[in-house]
Amino acid sequence: MTVMNCLNHFYFKNLNSKLIILLSILGLLPFFFGLIDLLLNKDNLFFIINLPKYYGSVILTFLGAVYWGIILNDSHKNLISEKVKTYIICWSIIPSLCSGLILIFNHNITIIILALCYIIVQFVDEFIIKYFKFPIWYLFLRRSLTMIVILILIFTYFLVMNI
């Protein structure tokens, strides 16, 4: 699907879909603010934490928790085998466990580990989406946002290597 087709498809979506897309895109702002802070204020950071790392960990937790909510509320869950449901429930907490470990350790390599976690979550999304009726724009949105977040985390890693 081309970007133009996706935008045309987005244009005809209901208000809630548009709101989800808008808020998802605005959710990138803390990543950008943290990156800009690291770029401009290396010696005297405005934020007392590595904002891309901490905010990225929170969002990673949210991406796993989405599946917890889906299993609880999906009207098509009767069509999904118990084994798959069990895997999805177990999967839903793994990103939060990874986030917790990332935040516990104060080493710059955890930023790269966080980026790798985003890649893994995206691959799982690509696989799991076939079991649910997600809107077509959702996967496109997730792919786009994940790529941006990964790039920001990689830039963040290189900026904090020398701090």
C-alpha atoms as a PDB file:
ATOM      1  CA  MET A   1       0.000   0.000   0.000  1.00  0.00           C
ATOM      2  CA  THR A   2       1.439   3.359  -1.002  1.00  0.00           C
ATOM      3  CA  VAL A   3       1.540   6.316   1.327  1.00  0.00           C
ATOM      4  CA  MET A   4      -1.058   8.121  -0.795  1.00  0.00           C
ATOM      5  CA  ASN A   5      -3.449   5.151  -0.644  1.00  0.00           C
ATOM      6  CA  CYS A   6      -2.973   4.985   3.089  1.00  0.00           C
ATOM      7  CA  LEU A   7      -3.658   8.729   3.438  1.00  0.00           C
ATOM      8  CA  ASN A   8      -6.766   8.415   1.279  1.00  0.00           C
ATOM      9  CA  HIS A   9      -7.877   5.469   3.374  1.00  0.00           C
ATOM     10  CA  PHE A  10      -7.140   7.492   6.527  1.00  0.00           C
ATOM     11  CA  TYR A  11      -9.187  10.433   5.244  1.00  0.00           C
ATOM     12  CA  PHE A  12     -12.363   8.350   5.223  1.00  0.00           C
ATOM     13  CA  LYS A  13     -11.882   6.814   8.666  1.00  0.00           C
ATOM     14  CA  ASN A  14     -14.121   7.645  11.594  1.00  0.00           C
ATOM     15  CA  LEU A  15     -13.188  10.216  14.223  1.00  0.00           C
ATOM     16  CA  ASN A  16     -11.819   7.647  16.692  1.00  0.00           C
ATOM     17  CA  SER A  17      -9.450   6.206  14.093  1.00  0.00           C
ATOM     18  CA  LYS A  18      -8.221   9.689  13.226  1.00  0.00           C
ATOM     19  CA  LEU A  19      -7.751  10.464  16.923  1.00  0.00           C
ATOM     20  CA  ILE A  20      -5.734   7.268  17.467  1.00  0.00           C
ATOM     21  CA  ILE A  21      -3.488   8.090  14.509  1.00  0.00           C
ATOM     22  CA  LEU A  22      -3.036  11.703  15.611  1.00  0.00           C
ATOM     23  CA  LEU A  23      -2.236  10.786  19.215  1.00  0.00           C
ATOM     24  CA  SER A  24       0.158   8.067  18.046  1.00  0.00           C
ATOM     25  CA  ILE A  25       2.062  10.557  15.923  1.00  0.00           C
ATOM     26  CA  LEU A  26       2.057  13.135  18.729  1.00  0.00           C
ATOM     27  CA  GLY A  27       3.396  10.365  20.974  1.00  0.00           C
ATOM     28  CA  LEU A  28       6.675  10.729  19.095  1.00  0.00           C
ATOM     29  CA  LEU A  29       7.208  14.221  20.548  1.00  0.00           C
ATOM     30  CA  PRO A  30       8.889  13.084  23.807  1.00  0.00           C
ATOM     31  CA  PHE A  31      11.315  11.011  21.726  1.00  0.00           C
ATOM     32  CA  PHE A  32      12.159  14.078  19.628  1.00  0.00           C
ATOM     33  CA  PHE A  33      12.383  16.380  22.672  1.00  0.00           C
ATOM     34  CA  GLY A  34      14.802  13.981  24.360  1.00  0.00           C
ATOM     35  CA  LEU A  35      16.899  13.657  21.222  1.00  0.00           C
ATOM     36  CA  ILE A  36      17.029  17.440  20.739  1.00  0.00           C
ATOM     37  CA  ASP A  37      18.011  17.866  24.390  1.00  0.00           C
ATOM     38  CA  LEU A  38      20.871  15.415  23.913  1.00  0.00           C
ATOM     39  CA  LEU A  39      21.955  17.161  20.707  1.00  0.00           C
ATOM     40  CA  LEU A  40      21.864  20.708  22.036  1.00  0.00           C
ATOM     41  CA  ASN A  41      22.584  20.342  25.742  1.00  0.00           C
ATOM     42  CA  LYS A  42      25.074  17.491  26.050  1.00  0.00           C
ATOM     43  CA  ASP A  43      26.889  19.070  28.977  1.00  0.00           C
ATOM     44  CA  ASN A  44      23.864  20.543  30.735  1.00  0.00           C
ATOM     45  CA  LEU A  45      20.816  18.432  29.902  1.00  0.00           C
ATOM     46  CA  PHE A  46      17.406  20.000  30.375  1.00  0.00           C
ATOM     47  CA  PHE A  47      15.868  16.627  31.223  1.00  0.00           C
ATOM     48  CA  ILE A  48      17.455  14.869  34.199  1.00  0.00           C
ATOM     49  CA  ILE A  49      16.831  11.482  32.574  1.00  0.00           C
ATOM     50  CA  ASN A  50      17.528  10.058  29.165  1.00  0.00           C
ATOM     51  CA  LEU A  51      14.028  10.827  27.917  1.00  0.00           C
ATOM     52  CA  PRO A  52      14.112   8.588  24.801  1.00  0.00           C
ATOM     53  CA  LYS A  53      15.183   5.616  26.951  1.00  0.00           C
ATOM     54  CA  TYR A  54      12.645   6.128  29.740  1.00  0.00           C
ATOM     55  CA  TYR A  55       9.720   7.189  27.574  1.00  0.00           C
ATOM     56  CA  GLY A  56      10.619   4.430  25.097  1.00  0.00           C
ATOM     57  CA  SER A  57      10.413   1.888  27.912  1.00  0.00           C
ATOM     58  CA  VAL A  58       6.963   3.125  28.902  1.00  0.00           C
ATOM     59  CA  ILE A  59       5.716   2.933  25.315  1.00  0.00           C
ATOM     60  CA  LEU A  60       7.224  -0.546  24.890  1.00  0.00           C
ATOM     61  CA  THR A  61       5.240  -1.646  27.950  1.00  0.00           C
ATOM     62  CA  PHE A  62       2.104  -0.166  26.410  1.00  0.00           C
ATOM     63  CA  LEU A  63       2.673  -2.051  23.130  1.00  0.00           C
ATOM     64  CA  GLY A  64       2.665  -5.350  25.006  1.00  0.00           C
ATOM     65  CA  ALA A  65      -0.308  -4.392  27.145  1.00  0.00           C
ATOM     66  CA  VAL A  66      -2.361  -3.803  24.004  1.00  0.00           C
ATOM     67  CA  TYR A  67      -2.576  -7.571  23.591  1.00  0.00           C
ATOM     68  CA  TRP A  68      -3.745  -8.073  27.167  1.00  0.00           C
ATOM     69  CA  GLY A  69      -6.634  -5.746  26.403  1.00  0.00           C
ATOM     70  CA  ILE A  70      -7.337  -7.368  23.070  1.00  0.00           C
ATOM     71  CA  ILE A  71      -7.664 -10.823  24.606  1.00  0.00           C
ATOM     72  CA  LEU A  72     -10.000  -9.432  27.274  1.00  0.00           C
ATOM     73  CA  ASN A  73     -12.227  -7.581  24.816  1.00  0.00           C
ATOM     74  CA  ASP A  74     -11.950  -9.106  21.363  1.00  0.00           C
ATOM     75  CA  SER A  75     -15.286 -10.317  20.066  1.00  0.00           C
ATOM     76  CA  HIS A  76     -13.536 -12.826  17.779  1.00  0.00           C
ATOM     77  CA  LYS A  77     -11.535 -14.524  20.529  1.00  0.00           C
ATOM     78  CA  ASN A  78     -13.795 -17.581  20.330  1.00  0.00           C
ATOM     79  CA  LEU A  79     -12.274 -18.225  16.905  1.00  0.00           C
ATOM     80  CA  ILE A  80      -8.758 -18.303  18.364  1.00  0.00           C
ATOM     81  CA  SER A  81      -7.410 -21.505  19.878  1.00  0.00           C
ATOM     82  CA  GLU A  82      -6.703 -21.624  23.614  1.00  0.00           C
ATOM     83  CA  LYS A  83      -3.039 -22.278  22.868  1.00  0.00           C
ATOM     84  CA  VAL A  84      -2.724 -19.097  20.792  1.00  0.00           C
ATOM     85  CA  LYS A  85      -4.613 -17.094  23.438  1.00  0.00           C
ATOM     86  CA  THR A  86      -2.200 -18.389  26.088  1.00  0.00           C
ATOM     87  CA  TYR A  87       0.801 -17.346  23.966  1.00  0.00           C
ATOM     88  CA  ILE A  88      -0.694 -13.900  23.393  1.00  0.00           C
ATOM     89  CA  ILE A  89      -1.409 -13.391  27.102  1.00  0.00           C
ATOM     90  CA  CYS A  90       2.139 -14.443  27.984  1.00  0.00           C
ATOM     91  CA  TRP A  91       3.522 -12.232  25.236  1.00  0.00           C
ATOM     92  CA  SER A  92       1.585  -9.220  26.530  1.00  0.00           C
ATOM     93  CA  ILE A  93       3.772  -8.962  29.650  1.00  0.00           C
ATOM     94  CA  ILE A  94       7.149  -9.657  28.039  1.00  0.00           C
ATOM     95  CA  PRO A  95       7.690  -6.076  26.765  1.00  0.00           C
ATOM     96  CA  SER A  96       7.035  -4.697  30.270  1.00  0.00           C
ATOM     97  CA  LEU A  97       9.520  -7.159  31.780  1.00  0.00           C
ATOM     98  CA  CYS A  98      12.101  -6.110  29.187  1.00  0.00           C
ATOM     99  CA  SER A  99      11.369  -2.446  29.912  1.00  0.00           C
ATOM    100  CA  GLY A 100      11.887  -3.015  33.612  1.00  0.00           C
ATOM    101  CA  LEU A 101      15.260  -4.641  32.987  1.00  0.00           C
ATOM    102  CA  ILE A 102      16.271  -1.847  30.615  1.00  0.00           C
ATOM    103  CA  LEU A 103      15.482   0.763  33.260  1.00  0.00           C
ATOM    104  CA  ILE A 104      17.238  -1.131  36.060  1.00  0.00           C
ATOM    105  CA  PHE A 105      20.603  -1.042  34.301  1.00  0.00           C
ATOM    106  CA  ASN A 106      22.347   2.280  33.846  1.00  0.00           C
ATOM    107  CA  HIS A 107      24.436   1.330  30.832  1.00  0.00           C
ATOM    108  CA  ASN A 108      24.196   2.954  27.431  1.00  0.00           C
ATOM    109  CA  ILE A 109      23.876  -0.409  25.671  1.00  0.00           C
ATOM    110  CA  THR A 110      20.368  -0.681  27.143  1.00  0.00           C
ATOM    111  CA  ILE A 111      19.287   1.919  24.561  1.00  0.00           C
ATOM    112  CA  ILE A 112      20.289  -0.477  21.768  1.00  0.00           C
ATOM    113  CA  ILE A 113      18.558  -3.325  23.607  1.00  0.00           C
ATOM    114  CA  LEU A 114      15.435  -1.146  23.753  1.00  0.00           C
ATOM    115  CA  ALA A 115      15.643  -0.575  19.988  1.00  0.00           C
ATOM    116  CA  LEU A 116      15.963  -4.338  19.469  1.00  0.00           C
ATOM    117  CA  CYS A 117      12.901  -4.861  21.654  1.00  0.00           C
ATOM    118  CA  TYR A 118      10.934  -2.526  19.383  1.00  0.00           C
ATOM    119  CA  ILE A 119      11.994  -4.623  16.390  1.00  0.00           C
ATOM    120  CA  ILE A 120      10.887  -7.825  18.146  1.00  0.00           C
ATOM    121  CA  VAL A 121       7.543  -6.283  19.132  1.00  0.00           C
ATOM    122  CA  GLN A 122       6.999  -5.222  15.523  1.00  0.00           C
ATOM    123  CA  PHE A 123       7.702  -8.755  14.255  1.00  0.00           C
ATOM    124  CA  VAL A 124       5.260 -10.156  16.814  1.00  0.00           C
ATOM    125  CA  ASP A 125       2.655  -7.584  15.730  1.00  0.00           C
ATOM    126  CA  GLU A 126       3.121  -8.656  12.121  1.00  0.00           C
ATOM    127  CA  PHE A 127       2.492 -12.273  13.126  1.00  0.00           C
ATOM    128  CA  ILE A 128      -0.311 -11.800  15.666  1.00  0.00           C
ATOM    129  CA  ILE A 129      -2.348  -9.367  13.591  1.00  0.00           C
ATOM    130  CA  LYS A 130      -3.674 -12.244  11.480  1.00  0.00           C
ATOM    131  CA  TYR A 131      -5.670 -13.468  14.485  1.00  0.00           C
ATOM    132  CA  PHE A 132      -7.520 -10.189  14.973  1.00  0.00           C
ATOM    133  CA  LYS A 133      -9.465  -7.736  12.876  1.00  0.00           C
ATOM    134  CA  PHE A 134      -7.193  -4.713  13.115  1.00  0.00           C
ATOM    135  CA  PRO A 135      -7.871  -1.822  10.747  1.00  0.00           C
ATOM    136  CA  ILE A 136      -5.609  -1.852   7.684  1.00  0.00           C
ATOM    137  CA  TRP A 137      -4.033   1.459   8.666  1.00  0.00           C
ATOM    138  CA  TYR A 138      -2.930   0.138  12.087  1.00  0.00           C
ATOM    139  CA  LEU A 139      -0.063  -2.002  10.822  1.00  0.00           C
ATOM    140  CA  PHE A 140       1.115   0.775   8.489  1.00  0.00           C
ATOM    141  CA  LEU A 141       1.049   3.200  11.424  1.00  0.00           C
ATOM    142  CA  ARG A 142       2.924   0.794  13.713  1.00  0.00           C
ATOM    143  CA  ARG A 143       5.593   0.137  11.090  1.00  0.00           C
ATOM    144  CA  SER A 144       6.148   3.839  10.492  1.00  0.00           C
ATOM    145  CA  LEU A 145       6.264   4.788  14.166  1.00  0.00           C
ATOM    146  CA  THR A 146       8.518   1.848  15.028  1.00  0.00           C
ATOM    147  CA  MET A 147      11.038   2.842  12.357  1.00  0.00           C
ATOM    148  CA  ILE A 148      11.133   6.429  13.641  1.00  0.00           C
ATOM    149  CA  VAL A 149      11.528   5.298  17.260  1.00  0.00           C
ATOM    150  CA  ILE A 150      14.321   2.880  16.353  1.00  0.00           C
ATOM    151  CA  LEU A 151      16.189   5.618  14.481  1.00  0.00           C
ATOM    152  CA  ILE A 152      15.809   8.012  17.416  1.00  0.00           C
ATOM    153  CA  LEU A 153      17.057   5.363  19.842  1.00  0.00           C
ATOM    154  CA  ILE A 154      20.086   4.637  17.650  1.00  0.00           C
ATOM    155  CA  PHE A 155      20.915   8.352  17.427  1.00  0.00           C
ATOM    156  CA  THR A 156      20.408   8.611  21.185  1.00  0.00           C
ATOM    157  CA  TYR A 157      22.852   5.767  21.770  1.00  0.00           C
ATOM    158  CA  PHE A 158      25.561   7.479  19.718  1.00  0.00           C
ATOM    159  CA  LEU A 159      24.958  10.788  21.492  1.00  0.00           C
ATOM    160  CA  VAL A 160      25.222   9.303  24.996  1.00  0.00           C
ATOM    161  CA  MET A 161      28.221   7.084  24.282  1.00  0.00           C
ATOM    162  CA  ASN A 162      30.551   9.896  25.298  1.00  0.00           C
ATOM    163  CA  ILE A 163      28.518  11.349  28.159  1.00  0.00           C
END
